[in-house]
Each structure stands twice: as structure tokens, then as C-alpha cells.
Amino acid sequence: MQKCVKCNSSFSWSKIFKSFKWTYKPIECDICGTKHKITFFGRCTVVVLTLLPMWIFFYFLSPFDNKFLTIGVGILIAIVGFLFAPYVVRYKENS
């Protein structure tokens, strides 16, 4: 999990997850007030963790003949990837 650059306090999962909404807004440390901005690589990581597993399932691993079931499982895989993203996304100090 990401930590503050200055005071080394950890950000909560929910704080990082809430920053993903629409524009990847910066996170402010609760202890020292330092603002942290998501890196470009961090944005790419969110997209890859959400779309890549779903795409691989759709095109290569789908064992179902029913398209609705395939789409439902694919969306579930995308949601799990999106919920896992706050653990691996990196932020840098906002200059």
C-alpha cells in the first residue's frame, strides 16, 4: 500500500479507491497534509488491472456458450481487478 513521502504514514485503501473517481484526484495525507498525485504509470496500472484480465477471459478462457454468462463473468473479473488496484498503484508528491 502507498505511503506518504514525507511522514511515511500509510494511505487507507478507501482513500486511494475514492481518488480513482473520474479524474484521479490527488490524495492528501491526514498527518502532514502533503498532496500526492497519481503517476502516469499508476493510471495505466488501473486500466491494465481492470481491462486486461477481462479481455483475456473474453477472448481466450471463456468456457461458456452463453454470451450473457460470459459478459457477466467478464464484468465480475473487471470489478475484482479494479478493487485490487489500490494495492499496487503508486503516487508521487504533488509539486
PDB file of N, CA and C in Angstrom:
ATOM      1  N   MET A   1       0.852  -1.171   0.000  1.00  0.00           N
ATOM      2  CA  MET A   1       0.000   0.000   0.000  1.00  0.00           C
ATOM      3  C   MET A   1       0.901   1.239   0.000  1.00  0.00           C
ATOM      4  N   GLN A   2       0.461   2.264  -0.681  1.00  0.00           N
ATOM      5  CA  GLN A   2       1.222   3.509  -0.811  1.00  0.00           C
ATOM      6  C   GLN A   2       1.337   4.223   0.533  1.00  0.00           C
ATOM      7  N   LYS A   3       2.487   4.869   0.748  1.00  0.00           N
ATOM      8  CA  LYS A   3       2.724   5.649   1.962  1.00  0.00           C
ATOM      9  C   LYS A   3       3.054   7.083   1.598  1.00  0.00           C
ATOM     10  N   CYS A   4       2.895   7.972   2.556  1.00  0.00           N
ATOM     11  CA  CYS A   4       3.241   9.381   2.365  1.00  0.00           C
ATOM     12  C   CYS A   4       4.751   9.510   2.195  1.00  0.00           C
ATOM     13  N   VAL A   5       5.157  10.380   1.286  1.00  0.00           N
ATOM     14  CA  VAL A   5       6.580  10.573   1.012  1.00  0.00           C
ATOM     15  C   VAL A   5       7.278  11.241   2.193  1.00  0.00           C
ATOM     16  N   LYS A   6       6.612  12.175   2.855  1.00  0.00           N
ATOM     17  CA  LYS A   6       7.243  12.940   3.939  1.00  0.00           C
ATOM     18  C   LYS A   6       7.177  12.248   5.294  1.00  0.00           C
ATOM     19  N   CYS A   7       5.983  11.817   5.718  1.00  0.00           N
ATOM     20  CA  CYS A   7       5.839  11.296   7.083  1.00  0.00           C
ATOM     21  C   CYS A   7       5.721   9.773   7.143  1.00  0.00           C
ATOM     22  N   ASN A   8       5.693   9.112   5.999  1.00  0.00           N
ATOM     23  CA  ASN A   8       5.692   7.645   5.914  1.00  0.00           C
ATOM     24  C   ASN A   8       4.441   6.990   6.508  1.00  0.00           C
ATOM     25  N   SER A   9       3.348   7.736   6.599  1.00  0.00           N
ATOM     26  CA  SER A   9       2.097   7.133   7.076  1.00  0.00           C
ATOM     27  C   SER A   9       1.363   6.514   5.883  1.00  0.00           C
ATOM     28  N   SER A  10       0.728   5.385   6.111  1.00  0.00           N
ATOM     29  CA  SER A  10       0.052   4.667   5.033  1.00  0.00           C
ATOM     30  C   SER A  10      -1.286   5.314   4.696  1.00  0.00           C
ATOM     31  N   PHE A  11      -1.622   5.290   3.413  1.00  0.00           N
ATOM     32  CA  PHE A  11      -2.947   5.718   2.985  1.00  0.00           C
ATOM     33  C   PHE A  11      -3.878   4.525   3.098  1.00  0.00           C
ATOM     34  N   SER A  12      -5.117   4.790   3.407  1.00  0.00           N
ATOM     35  CA  SER A  12      -6.085   3.702   3.506  1.00  0.00           C
ATOM     36  C   SER A  12      -6.527   3.272   2.109  1.00  0.00           C
ATOM     37  N   TRP A  13      -7.006   2.035   2.026  1.00  0.00           N
ATOM     38  CA  TRP A  13      -7.485   1.512   0.753  1.00  0.00           C
ATOM     39  C   TRP A  13      -8.628   2.379   0.224  1.00  0.00           C
ATOM     40  N   SER A  14      -9.540   2.761   1.120  1.00  0.00           N
ATOM     41  CA  SER A  14     -10.706   3.541   0.691  1.00  0.00           C
ATOM     42  C   SER A  14     -10.307   4.928   0.193  1.00  0.00           C
ATOM     43  N   LYS A  15      -9.293   5.531   0.793  1.00  0.00           N
ATOM     44  CA  LYS A  15      -8.847   6.851   0.351  1.00  0.00           C
ATOM     45  C   LYS A  15      -8.268   6.780  -1.059  1.00  0.00           C
ATOM     46  N   ILE A  16      -7.472   5.751  -1.328  1.00  0.00           N
ATOM     47  CA  ILE A  16      -6.904   5.579  -2.663  1.00  0.00           C
ATOM     48  C   ILE A  16      -8.007   5.249  -3.659  1.00  0.00           C
ATOM     49  N   PHE A  17      -8.922   4.360  -3.285  1.00  0.00           N
ATOM     50  CA  PHE A  17     -10.003   3.963  -4.188  1.00  0.00           C
ATOM     51  C   PHE A  17     -10.893   5.148  -4.553  1.00  0.00           C
ATOM     52  N   LYS A  18     -11.185   6.002  -3.568  1.00  0.00           N
ATOM     53  CA  LYS A  18     -12.023   7.178  -3.833  1.00  0.00           C
ATOM     54  C   LYS A  18     -11.326   8.168  -4.762  1.00  0.00           C
ATOM     55  N   SER A  19     -10.007   8.171  -4.788  1.00  0.00           N
ATOM     56  CA  SER A  19      -9.287   9.100  -5.663  1.00  0.00           C
ATOM     57  C   SER A  19      -9.370   8.685  -7.128  1.00  0.00           C
ATOM     58  N   PHE A  20      -9.784   7.449  -7.415  1.00  0.00           N
ATOM     59  CA  PHE A  20      -9.910   6.978  -8.797  1.00  0.00           C
ATOM     60  C   PHE A  20     -11.099   7.592  -9.528  1.00  0.00           C
ATOM     61  N   LYS A  21     -12.049   8.150  -8.793  1.00  0.00           N
ATOM     62  CA  LYS A  21     -13.277   8.644  -9.416  1.00  0.00           C
ATOM     63  C   LYS A  21     -12.972   9.706 -10.465  1.00  0.00           C
ATOM     64  N   TRP A  22     -13.421   9.461 -11.660  1.00  0.00           N
ATOM     65  CA  TRP A  22     -13.403  10.334 -12.826  1.00  0.00           C
ATOM     66  C   TRP A  22     -12.037  10.892 -13.181  1.00  0.00           C
ATOM     67  N   THR A  23     -11.395  11.661 -12.325  1.00  0.00           N
ATOM     68  CA  THR A  23     -10.196  12.393 -12.747  1.00  0.00           C
ATOM     69  C   THR A  23      -8.944  12.057 -11.945  1.00  0.00           C
ATOM     70  N   TYR A  24      -8.942  10.995 -11.187  1.00  0.00           N
ATOM     71  CA  TYR A  24      -7.787  10.623 -10.369  1.00  0.00           C
ATOM     72  C   TYR A  24      -7.326  11.805  -9.521  1.00  0.00           C
ATOM     73  N   LYS A  25      -8.207  12.311  -8.685  1.00  0.00           N
ATOM     74  CA  LYS A  25      -7.866  13.474  -7.875  1.00  0.00           C
ATOM     75  C   LYS A  25      -6.732  13.149  -6.899  1.00  0.00           C
ATOM     76  N   PRO A  26      -5.946  14.159  -6.520  1.00  0.00           N
ATOM     77  CA  PRO A  26      -4.818  13.939  -5.600  1.00  0.00           C
ATOM     78  C   PRO A  26      -5.284  13.499  -4.212  1.00  0.00           C
ATOM     79  N   ILE A  27      -4.397  12.804  -3.524  1.00  0.00           N
ATOM     80  CA  ILE A  27      -4.654  12.359  -2.155  1.00  0.00           C
ATOM     81  C   ILE A  27      -3.871  13.266  -1.214  1.00  0.00           C
ATOM     82  N   GLU A  28      -4.522  13.666  -0.127  1.00  0.00           N
ATOM     83  CA  GLU A  28      -3.853  14.482   0.878  1.00  0.00           C
ATOM     84  C   GLU A  28      -3.598  13.637   2.116  1.00  0.00           C
ATOM     85  N   CYS A  29      -2.376  13.695   2.617  1.00  0.00           N
ATOM     86  CA  CYS A  29      -2.008  12.940   3.817  1.00  0.00           C
ATOM     87  C   CYS A  29      -2.748  13.511   5.024  1.00  0.00           C
ATOM     88  N   ASP A  30      -3.298  12.623   5.847  1.00  0.00           N
ATOM     89  CA  ASP A  30      -4.029  13.060   7.043  1.00  0.00           C
ATOM     90  C   ASP A  30      -3.100  13.608   8.124  1.00  0.00           C
ATOM     91  N   ILE A  31      -1.861  13.152   8.151  1.00  0.00           N
ATOM     92  CA  ILE A  31      -0.919  13.549   9.199  1.00  0.00           C
ATOM     93  C   ILE A  31      -0.235  14.881   8.873  1.00  0.00           C
ATOM     94  N   CYS A  32       0.418  14.975   7.692  1.00  0.00           N
ATOM     95  CA  CYS A  32       1.222  16.158   7.389  1.00  0.00           C
ATOM     96  C   CYS A  32       0.602  17.070   6.329  1.00  0.00           C
ATOM     97  N   GLY A  33      -0.455  16.635   5.656  1.00  0.00           N
ATOM     98  CA  GLY A  33      -1.130  17.479   4.676  1.00  0.00           C
ATOM     99  C   GLY A  33      -0.484  17.517   3.298  1.00  0.00           C
ATOM    100  N   THR A  34       0.511  16.684   3.046  1.00  0.00           N
ATOM    101  CA  THR A  34       1.168  16.645   1.740  1.00  0.00           C
ATOM    102  C   THR A  34       0.223  16.045   0.708  1.00  0.00           C
ATOM    103  N   LYS A  35       0.153  16.683  -0.456  1.00  0.00           N
ATOM    104  CA  LYS A  35      -0.693  16.163  -1.529  1.00  0.00           C
ATOM    105  C   LYS A  35       0.129  15.241  -2.425  1.00  0.00           C
ATOM    106  N   HIS A  36      -0.486  14.134  -2.817  1.00  0.00           N
ATOM    107  CA  HIS A  36       0.157  13.147  -3.673  1.00  0.00           C
ATOM    108  C   HIS A  36      -0.691  12.953  -4.923  1.00  0.00           C
ATOM    109  N   LYS A  37      -0.021  12.934  -6.058  1.00  0.00           N
ATOM    110  CA  LYS A  37      -0.689  12.807  -7.353  1.00  0.00           C
ATOM    111  C   LYS A  37      -0.355  11.448  -7.946  1.00  0.00           C
ATOM    112  N   ILE A  38      -1.334  10.814  -8.587  1.00  0.00           N
ATOM    113  CA  ILE A  38      -1.105   9.516  -9.196  1.00  0.00           C
ATOM    114  C   ILE A  38      -0.150   9.683 -10.380  1.00  0.00           C
ATOM    115  N   THR A  39       0.744   8.726 -10.555  1.00  0.00           N
ATOM    116  CA  THR A  39       1.676   8.769 -11.669  1.00  0.00           C
ATOM    117  C   THR A  39       0.992   8.279 -12.940  1.00  0.00           C
ATOM    118  N   PHE A  40       1.605   8.579 -14.085  1.00  0.00           N
ATOM    119  CA  PHE A  40       1.067   8.086 -15.355  1.00  0.00           C
ATOM    120  C   PHE A  40       1.075   6.563 -15.364  1.00  0.00           C
ATOM    121  N   PHE A  41       2.151   5.971 -14.850  1.00  0.00           N
ATOM    122  CA  PHE A  41       2.231   4.520 -14.764  1.00  0.00           C
ATOM    123  C   PHE A  41       1.141   3.966 -13.849  1.00  0.00           C
ATOM    124  N   GLY A  42       0.793   4.697 -12.801  1.00  0.00           N
ATOM    125  CA  GLY A  42      -0.284   4.291 -11.904  1.00  0.00           C
ATOM    126  C   GLY A  42      -1.632   4.275 -12.608  1.00  0.00           C
ATOM    127  N   ARG A  43      -1.877   5.274 -13.455  1.00  0.00           N
ATOM    128  CA  ARG A  43      -3.124   5.297 -14.226  1.00  0.00           C
ATOM    129  C   ARG A  43      -3.185   4.106 -15.181  1.00  0.00           C
ATOM    130  N   CYS A  44      -2.053   3.840 -15.818  1.00  0.00           N
ATOM    131  CA  CYS A  44      -2.002   2.691 -16.732  1.00  0.00           C
ATOM    132  C   CYS A  44      -2.223   1.386 -15.975  1.00  0.00           C
ATOM    133  N   THR A  45      -1.720   1.310 -14.751  1.00  0.00           N
ATOM    134  CA  THR A  45      -1.891   0.114 -13.931  1.00  0.00           C
ATOM    135  C   THR A  45      -3.369  -0.135 -13.631  1.00  0.00           C
ATOM    136  N   VAL A  46      -4.114   0.919 -13.319  1.00  0.00           N
ATOM    137  CA  VAL A  46      -5.546   0.776 -13.042  1.00  0.00           C
ATOM    138  C   VAL A  46      -6.251   0.229 -14.279  1.00  0.00           C
ATOM    139  N   VAL A  47      -5.934   0.763 -15.429  1.00  0.00           N
ATOM    140  CA  VAL A  47      -6.573   0.319 -16.666  1.00  0.00           C
ATOM    141  C   VAL A  47      -6.215  -1.132 -16.970  1.00  0.00           C
ATOM    142  N   VAL A  48      -4.936  -1.470 -16.811  1.00  0.00           N
ATOM    143  CA  VAL A  48      -4.491  -2.839 -17.106  1.00  0.00           C
ATOM    144  C   VAL A  48      -5.125  -3.839 -16.144  1.00  0.00           C
ATOM    145  N   LEU A  49      -5.191  -3.513 -14.859  1.00  0.00           N
ATOM    146  CA  LEU A  49      -5.785  -4.432 -13.892  1.00  0.00           C
ATOM    147  C   LEU A  49      -7.287  -4.599 -14.092  1.00  0.00           C
ATOM    148  N   THR A  50      -7.917  -3.624 -14.717  1.00  0.00           N
ATOM    149  CA  THR A  50      -9.352  -3.709 -14.954  1.00  0.00           C
ATOM    150  C   THR A  50      -9.671  -4.380 -16.286  1.00  0.00           C
ATOM    151  N   LEU A  51      -9.034  -3.943 -17.350  1.00  0.00           N
ATOM    152  CA  LEU A  51      -9.415  -4.396 -18.681  1.00  0.00           C
ATOM    153  C   LEU A  51      -8.685  -5.640 -19.174  1.00  0.00           C
ATOM    154  N   LEU A  52      -7.417  -5.782 -18.865  1.00  0.00           N
ATOM    155  CA  LEU A  52      -6.644  -6.907 -19.396  1.00  0.00           C
ATOM    156  C   LEU A  52      -7.173  -8.269 -18.943  1.00  0.00           C
ATOM    157  N   PRO A  53      -7.436  -8.497 -17.654  1.00  0.00           N
ATOM    158  CA  PRO A  53      -7.988  -9.802 -17.265  1.00  0.00           C
ATOM    159  C   PRO A  53      -9.347 -10.087 -17.911  1.00  0.00           C
ATOM    160  N   MET A  54     -10.177  -9.049 -18.025  1.00  0.00           N
ATOM    161  CA  MET A  54     -11.479  -9.221 -18.656  1.00  0.00           C
ATOM    162  C   MET A  54     -11.298  -9.579 -20.137  1.00  0.00           C
ATOM    163  N   TRP A  55     -10.411  -8.897 -20.814  1.00  0.00           N
ATOM    164  CA  TRP A  55     -10.162  -9.157 -22.234  1.00  0.00           C
ATOM    165  C   TRP A  55      -9.621 -10.564 -22.446  1.00  0.00           C
ATOM    166  N   ILE A  56      -8.677 -10.988 -21.611  1.00  0.00           N
ATOM    167  CA  ILE A  56      -8.119 -12.341 -21.726  1.00  0.00           C
ATOM    168  C   ILE A  56      -9.210 -13.381 -21.511  1.00  0.00           C
ATOM    169  N   PHE A  57     -10.065 -13.149 -20.540  1.00  0.00           N
ATOM    170  CA  PHE A  57     -11.172 -14.083 -20.298  1.00  0.00           C
ATOM    171  C   PHE A  57     -12.109 -14.148 -21.497  1.00  0.00           C
ATOM    172  N   PHE A  58     -12.492 -12.983 -22.012  1.00  0.00           N
ATOM    173  CA  PHE A  58     -13.425 -12.951 -23.147  1.00  0.00           C
ATOM    174  C   PHE A  58     -12.885 -13.705 -24.360  1.00  0.00           C
ATOM    175  N   TYR A  59     -11.631 -13.489 -24.695  1.00  0.00           N
ATOM    176  CA  TYR A  59     -11.111 -13.998 -25.956  1.00  0.00           C
ATOM    177  C   TYR A  59     -10.400 -15.339 -25.878  1.00  0.00           C
ATOM    178  N   PHE A  60      -9.930 -15.728 -24.703  1.00  0.00           N
ATOM    179  CA  PHE A  60      -9.133 -16.944 -24.632  1.00  0.00           C
ATOM    180  C   PHE A  60      -9.640 -17.992 -23.646  1.00  0.00           C
ATOM    181  N   LEU A  61     -10.225 -17.578 -22.534  1.00  0.00           N
ATOM    182  CA  LEU A  61     -10.520 -18.521 -21.455  1.00  0.00           C
ATOM    183  C   LEU A  61     -11.998 -18.811 -21.233  1.00  0.00           C
ATOM    184  N   SER A  62     -12.879 -18.198 -21.971  1.00  0.00           N
ATOM    185  CA  SER A  62     -14.300 -18.351 -21.718  1.00  0.00           C
ATOM    186  C   SER A  62     -14.791 -19.769 -22.017  1.00  0.00           C
ATOM    187  N   PRO A  63     -15.237 -20.494 -20.982  1.00  0.00           N
ATOM    188  CA  PRO A  63     -15.730 -21.854 -21.202  1.00  0.00           C
ATOM    189  C   PRO A  63     -17.236 -21.910 -21.475  1.00  0.00           C
ATOM    190  N   PHE A  64     -17.889 -20.748 -21.504  1.00  0.00           N
ATOM    191  CA  PHE A  64     -19.343 -20.724 -21.595  1.00  0.00           C
ATOM    192  C   PHE A  64     -19.811 -20.517 -23.036  1.00  0.00           C
ATOM    193  N   ASP A  65     -20.913 -21.173 -23.389  1.00  0.00           N
ATOM    194  CA  ASP A  65     -21.535 -20.951 -24.692  1.00  0.00           C
ATOM    195  C   ASP A  65     -22.551 -19.806 -24.629  1.00  0.00           C
ATOM    196  N   ASN A  66     -22.974 -19.459 -23.436  1.00  0.00           N
ATOM    197  CA  ASN A  66     -23.949 -18.391 -23.228  1.00  0.00           C
ATOM    198  C   ASN A  66     -23.223 -17.044 -23.177  1.00  0.00           C
ATOM    199  N   LYS A  67     -23.553 -16.129 -24.076  1.00  0.00           N
ATOM    200  CA  LYS A  67     -22.877 -14.825 -24.136  1.00  0.00           C
ATOM    201  C   LYS A  67     -23.169 -13.964 -22.901  1.00  0.00           C
ATOM    202  N   PHE A  68     -24.383 -14.057 -22.369  1.00  0.00           N
ATOM    203  CA  PHE A  68     -24.725 -13.257 -21.195  1.00  0.00           C
ATOM    204  C   PHE A  68     -23.917 -13.705 -19.967  1.00  0.00           C
ATOM    205  N   LEU A  69     -23.738 -14.991 -19.831  1.00  0.00           N
ATOM    206  CA  LEU A  69     -22.927 -15.506 -18.725  1.00  0.00           C
ATOM    207  C   LEU A  69     -21.464 -15.101 -18.894  1.00  0.00           C
ATOM    208  N   THR A  70     -20.963 -15.157 -20.117  1.00  0.00           N
ATOM    209  CA  THR A  70     -19.589 -14.748 -20.395  1.00  0.00           C
ATOM    210  C   THR A  70     -19.384 -13.272 -20.065  1.00  0.00           C
ATOM    211  N   ILE A  71     -20.313 -12.428 -20.484  1.00  0.00           N
ATOM    212  CA  ILE A  71     -20.214 -10.997 -20.192  1.00  0.00           C
ATOM    213  C   ILE A  71     -20.308 -10.748 -18.690  1.00  0.00           C
ATOM    214  N   GLY A  72     -21.198 -11.450 -18.003  1.00  0.00           N
ATOM    215  CA  GLY A  72     -21.335 -11.290 -16.553  1.00  0.00           C
ATOM    216  C   GLY A  72     -20.070 -11.666 -15.807  1.00  0.00           C
ATOM    217  N   VAL A  73     -19.466 -12.793 -16.165  1.00  0.00           N
ATOM    218  CA  VAL A  73     -18.222 -13.218 -15.514  1.00  0.00           C
ATOM    219  C   VAL A  73     -17.090 -12.256 -15.869  1.00  0.00           C
ATOM    220  N   GLY A  74     -17.065 -11.777 -17.111  1.00  0.00           N
ATOM    221  CA  GLY A  74     -16.045 -10.805 -17.512  1.00  0.00           C
ATOM    222  C   GLY A  74     -16.138  -9.516 -16.722  1.00  0.00           C
ATOM    223  N   ILE A  75     -17.353  -9.042 -16.508  1.00  0.00           N
ATOM    224  CA  ILE A  75     -17.552  -7.829 -15.710  1.00  0.00           C
ATOM    225  C   ILE A  75     -17.152  -8.073 -14.259  1.00  0.00           C
ATOM    226  N   LEU A  76     -17.460  -9.231 -13.728  1.00  0.00           N
ATOM    227  CA  LEU A  76     -17.045  -9.578 -12.363  1.00  0.00           C
ATOM    228  C   LEU A  76     -15.521  -9.590 -12.242  1.00  0.00           C
ATOM    229  N   ILE A  77     -14.836 -10.131 -13.234  1.00  0.00           N
ATOM    230  CA  ILE A  77     -13.367 -10.138 -13.242  1.00  0.00           C
ATOM    231  C   ILE A  77     -12.827  -8.707 -13.287  1.00  0.00           C
ATOM    232  N   ALA A  78     -13.449  -7.842 -14.082  1.00  0.00           N
ATOM    233  CA  ALA A  78     -13.027  -6.439 -14.154  1.00  0.00           C
ATOM    234  C   ALA A  78     -13.213  -5.735 -12.816  1.00  0.00           C
ATOM    235  N   ILE A  79     -14.317  -6.010 -12.132  1.00  0.00           N
ATOM    236  CA  ILE A  79     -14.571  -5.396 -10.829  1.00  0.00           C
ATOM    237  C   ILE A  79     -13.525  -5.842  -9.806  1.00  0.00           C
ATOM    238  N   VAL A  80     -13.189  -7.120  -9.806  1.00  0.00           N
ATOM    239  CA  VAL A  80     -12.167  -7.627  -8.875  1.00  0.00           C
ATOM    240  C   VAL A  80     -10.816  -6.969  -9.150  1.00  0.00           C
ATOM    241  N   GLY A  81     -10.456  -6.834 -10.425  1.00  0.00           N
ATOM    242  CA  GLY A  81      -9.208  -6.156 -10.772  1.00  0.00           C
ATOM    243  C   GLY A  81      -9.203  -4.710 -10.336  1.00  0.00           C
ATOM    244  N   PHE A  82     -10.339  -4.034 -10.493  1.00  0.00           N
ATOM    245  CA  PHE A  82     -10.447  -2.636 -10.093  1.00  0.00           C
ATOM    246  C   PHE A  82     -10.350  -2.486  -8.577  1.00  0.00           C
ATOM    247  N   LEU A  83     -10.922  -3.431  -7.838  1.00  0.00           N
ATOM    248  CA  LEU A  83     -10.842  -3.383  -6.377  1.00  0.00           C
ATOM    249  C   LEU A  83      -9.445  -3.711  -5.863  1.00  0.00           C
ATOM    250  N   PHE A  84      -8.657  -4.436  -6.644  1.00  0.00           N
ATOM    251  CA  PHE A  84      -7.282  -4.779  -6.273  1.00  0.00           C
ATOM    252  C   PHE A  84      -6.309  -3.637  -6.584  1.00  0.00           C
ATOM    253  N   ALA A  85      -6.681  -2.737  -7.484  1.00  0.00           N
ATOM    254  CA  ALA A  85      -5.796  -1.670  -7.953  1.00  0.00           C
ATOM    255  C   ALA A  85      -5.202  -0.789  -6.849  1.00  0.00           C
ATOM    256  N   PRO A  86      -5.934  -0.386  -5.796  1.00  0.00           N
ATOM    257  CA  PRO A  86      -5.320   0.476  -4.779  1.00  0.00           C
ATOM    258  C   PRO A  86      -4.088  -0.129  -4.098  1.00  0.00           C
ATOM    259  N   TYR A  87      -3.932  -1.439  -4.146  1.00  0.00           N
ATOM    260  CA  TYR A  87      -2.762  -2.063  -3.529  1.00  0.00           C
ATOM    261  C   TYR A  87      -1.495  -1.885  -4.345  1.00  0.00           C
ATOM    262  N   VAL A  88      -1.616  -1.661  -5.644  1.00  0.00           N
ATOM    263  CA  VAL A  88      -0.428  -1.616  -6.497  1.00  0.00           C
ATOM    264  C   VAL A  88      -0.189  -0.264  -7.160  1.00  0.00           C
ATOM    265  N   VAL A  89      -1.139   0.648  -7.122  1.00  0.00           N
ATOM    266  CA  VAL A  89      -0.986   1.963  -7.751  1.00  0.00           C
ATOM    267  C   VAL A  89      -0.022   2.820  -6.942  1.00  0.00           C
ATOM    268  N   ARG A  90       0.790   3.604  -7.634  1.00  0.00           N
ATOM    269  CA  ARG A  90       1.776   4.460  -6.972  1.00  0.00           C
ATOM    270  C   ARG A  90       1.445   5.921  -7.175  1.00  0.00           C
ATOM    271  N   TYR A  91       1.732   6.706  -6.137  1.00  0.00           N
ATOM    272  CA  TYR A  91       1.536   8.159  -6.156  1.00  0.00           C
ATOM    273  C   TYR A  91       2.876   8.820  -5.908  1.00  0.00           C
ATOM    274  N   LYS A  92       3.003  10.067  -6.380  1.00  0.00           N
ATOM    275  CA  LYS A  92       4.192  10.865  -6.100  1.00  0.00           C
ATOM    276  C   LYS A  92       3.747  12.180  -5.468  1.00  0.00           C
ATOM    277  N   GLU A  93       4.707  12.841  -4.812  1.00  0.00           N
ATOM    278  CA  GLU A  93       4.383  14.113  -4.172  1.00  0.00           C
ATOM    279  C   GLU A  93       4.011  15.126  -5.239  1.00  0.00           C
ATOM    280  N   ASN A  94       2.914  15.841  -5.016  1.00  0.00           N
ATOM    281  CA  ASN A  94       2.450  16.850  -5.977  1.00  0.00           C
ATOM    282  C   ASN A  94       3.318  18.076  -5.848  1.00  0.00           C
ATOM    283  N   SER A  95       3.973  18.449  -6.932  1.00  0.00           N
ATOM    284  CA  SER A  95       4.884  19.609  -6.903  1.00  0.00           C
ATOM    285  C   SER A  95       4.169  20.887  -7.229  1.00  0.00           C
TER     286      SER A  95
END
